[in-house]
Amino acid sequence: MVANLVLQYPDWQSGKIRLLATTKNVTALRAFKAAVLEEAKLNLIGCDDEVLHIEYEEELHKLERLLDAVIPGEPERGHNGK
């Protein structure tokens, strides 16, 4: 299963969320995955509160498992680098 990446925008006037665009592009999905995991790691690193640190750590592990399940990893290279 491969996920769709969706760009949404809030319509404050109607109280709805507007769908602006969607893609299944694997490069875009991988970039999104990397950005989300990087933000989660930064939250963990920058947290001085012991209780919140546990929460952020659990969230990071959950995100890693979820995103690994729906966004394919980098293709493996053969022995000749291709």
C-alpha atoms as a PDB file:
ATOM      1  CA  MET A   1       0.000   0.000   0.000  1.00  0.00           C
ATOM      2  CA  VAL A   2       1.301   3.444  -0.954  1.00  0.00           C
ATOM      3  CA  ALA A   3      -0.170   6.590   0.535  1.00  0.00           C
ATOM      4  CA  ASN A   4      -1.338   9.749  -1.204  1.00  0.00           C
ATOM      5  CA  LEU A   5       0.133  13.057  -0.113  1.00  0.00           C
ATOM      6  CA  VAL A   6      -2.604  15.688   0.192  1.00  0.00           C
ATOM      7  CA  LEU A   7      -2.330  19.472   0.433  1.00  0.00           C
ATOM      8  CA  GLN A   8      -5.250  20.960   2.321  1.00  0.00           C
ATOM      9  CA  TYR A   9      -6.148  24.539   3.132  1.00  0.00           C
ATOM     10  CA  PRO A  10      -8.572  25.757   5.794  1.00  0.00           C
ATOM     11  CA  ASP A  11     -11.552  27.777   4.548  1.00  0.00           C
ATOM     12  CA  TRP A  12     -12.257  29.800   7.680  1.00  0.00           C
ATOM     13  CA  GLN A  13     -15.348  31.358   6.158  1.00  0.00           C
ATOM     14  CA  SER A  14     -17.149  28.049   5.589  1.00  0.00           C
ATOM     15  CA  GLY A  15     -15.410  26.096   8.356  1.00  0.00           C
ATOM     16  CA  LYS A  16     -14.327  23.433   5.852  1.00  0.00           C
ATOM     17  CA  ILE A  17     -11.001  22.084   4.729  1.00  0.00           C
ATOM     18  CA  ARG A  18     -10.329  22.513   1.012  1.00  0.00           C
ATOM     19  CA  LEU A  19      -8.384  19.894  -0.902  1.00  0.00           C
ATOM     20  CA  LEU A  20      -5.909  21.753  -3.120  1.00  0.00           C
ATOM     21  CA  ALA A  21      -3.776  18.954  -4.564  1.00  0.00           C
ATOM     22  CA  THR A  22      -2.779  15.329  -4.171  1.00  0.00           C
ATOM     23  CA  THR A  23       0.111  13.184  -5.375  1.00  0.00           C
ATOM     24  CA  LYS A  24       1.348   9.610  -5.242  1.00  0.00           C
ATOM     25  CA  ASN A  25       4.822  10.691  -6.343  1.00  0.00           C
ATOM     26  CA  VAL A  26       7.260   8.523  -4.397  1.00  0.00           C
ATOM     27  CA  THR A  27       9.916  11.251  -4.260  1.00  0.00           C
ATOM     28  CA  ALA A  28       7.427  13.685  -2.710  1.00  0.00           C
ATOM     29  CA  LEU A  29       6.238  11.037  -0.249  1.00  0.00           C
ATOM     30  CA  ARG A  30       9.797  10.260   0.826  1.00  0.00           C
ATOM     31  CA  ALA A  31      10.565  13.967   1.288  1.00  0.00           C
ATOM     32  CA  PHE A  32       7.417  14.370   3.399  1.00  0.00           C
ATOM     33  CA  LYS A  33       8.367  11.335   5.487  1.00  0.00           C
ATOM     34  CA  ALA A  34      11.872  12.702   6.072  1.00  0.00           C
ATOM     35  CA  ALA A  35      10.524  16.129   7.077  1.00  0.00           C
ATOM     36  CA  VAL A  36       7.949  14.709   9.504  1.00  0.00           C
ATOM     37  CA  LEU A  37      10.478  12.405  11.148  1.00  0.00           C
ATOM     38  CA  GLU A  38      13.031  15.218  11.394  1.00  0.00           C
ATOM     39  CA  GLU A  39      10.486  17.450  13.163  1.00  0.00           C
ATOM     40  CA  ALA A  40       9.591  14.647  15.558  1.00  0.00           C
ATOM     41  CA  LYS A  41      13.296  14.080  16.317  1.00  0.00           C
ATOM     42  CA  LEU A  42      13.834  17.805  16.939  1.00  0.00           C
ATOM     43  CA  ASN A  43      10.873  17.869  19.337  1.00  0.00           C
ATOM     44  CA  LEU A  44      12.431  14.977  21.226  1.00  0.00           C
ATOM     45  CA  ILE A  45      15.916  16.484  21.318  1.00  0.00           C
ATOM     46  CA  GLY A  46      14.674  19.903  22.429  1.00  0.00           C
ATOM     47  CA  CYS A  47      12.443  18.639  25.220  1.00  0.00           C
ATOM     48  CA  ASP A  48      13.610  19.165  28.804  1.00  0.00           C
ATOM     49  CA  ASP A  49      10.418  17.896  30.448  1.00  0.00           C
ATOM     50  CA  GLU A  50      10.762  14.221  31.462  1.00  0.00           C
ATOM     51  CA  VAL A  51       7.084  13.383  30.907  1.00  0.00           C
ATOM     52  CA  LEU A  52       6.876  15.149  27.542  1.00  0.00           C
ATOM     53  CA  HIS A  53      10.151  13.518  26.498  1.00  0.00           C
ATOM     54  CA  ILE A  54       8.499  10.111  26.935  1.00  0.00           C
ATOM     55  CA  GLU A  55       5.500  11.275  24.896  1.00  0.00           C
ATOM     56  CA  TYR A  56       7.679  12.667  22.085  1.00  0.00           C
ATOM     57  CA  GLU A  57       9.766   9.501  22.021  1.00  0.00           C
ATOM     58  CA  GLU A  58       6.654   7.325  21.693  1.00  0.00           C
ATOM     59  CA  GLU A  59       5.291   9.622  18.972  1.00  0.00           C
ATOM     60  CA  LEU A  60       8.542   9.350  17.014  1.00  0.00           C
ATOM     61  CA  HIS A  61       8.503   5.549  17.175  1.00  0.00           C
ATOM     62  CA  LYS A  62       4.830   5.469  16.168  1.00  0.00           C
ATOM     63  CA  LEU A  63       5.442   7.793  13.218  1.00  0.00           C
ATOM     64  CA  GLU A  64       8.423   5.702  12.082  1.00  0.00           C
ATOM     65  CA  ARG A  65       6.321   2.519  12.070  1.00  0.00           C
ATOM     66  CA  LEU A  66       3.311   4.141  10.389  1.00  0.00           C
ATOM     67  CA  LEU A  67       5.273   5.951   7.703  1.00  0.00           C
ATOM     68  CA  ASP A  68       7.408   2.880   6.978  1.00  0.00           C
ATOM     69  CA  ALA A  69       4.184   0.952   6.379  1.00  0.00           C
ATOM     70  CA  VAL A  70       2.692   3.402   3.854  1.00  0.00           C
ATOM     71  CA  ILE A  71       5.673   5.115   2.202  1.00  0.00           C
ATOM     72  CA  PRO A  72       8.159   2.929   0.360  1.00  0.00           C
ATOM     73  CA  GLY A  73      11.815   3.184   1.302  1.00  0.00           C
ATOM     74  CA  GLU A  74      14.623   3.969  -1.080  1.00  0.00           C
ATOM     75  CA  PRO A  75      15.099   1.308  -3.751  1.00  0.00           C
ATOM     76  CA  GLU A  76      17.975  -1.034  -3.030  1.00  0.00           C
ATOM     77  CA  ARG A  77      21.006  -0.742  -5.240  1.00  0.00           C
ATOM     78  CA  GLY A  78      22.662  -3.710  -6.885  1.00  0.00           C
ATOM     79  CA  HIS A  79      26.291  -4.648  -6.473  1.00  0.00           C
ATOM     80  CA  ASN A  80      27.290  -2.352  -9.348  1.00  0.00           C
ATOM     81  CA  GLY A  81      25.730   0.739  -7.698  1.00  0.00           C
ATOM     82  CA  LYS A  82      22.641   0.758  -9.891  1.00  0.00           C
END
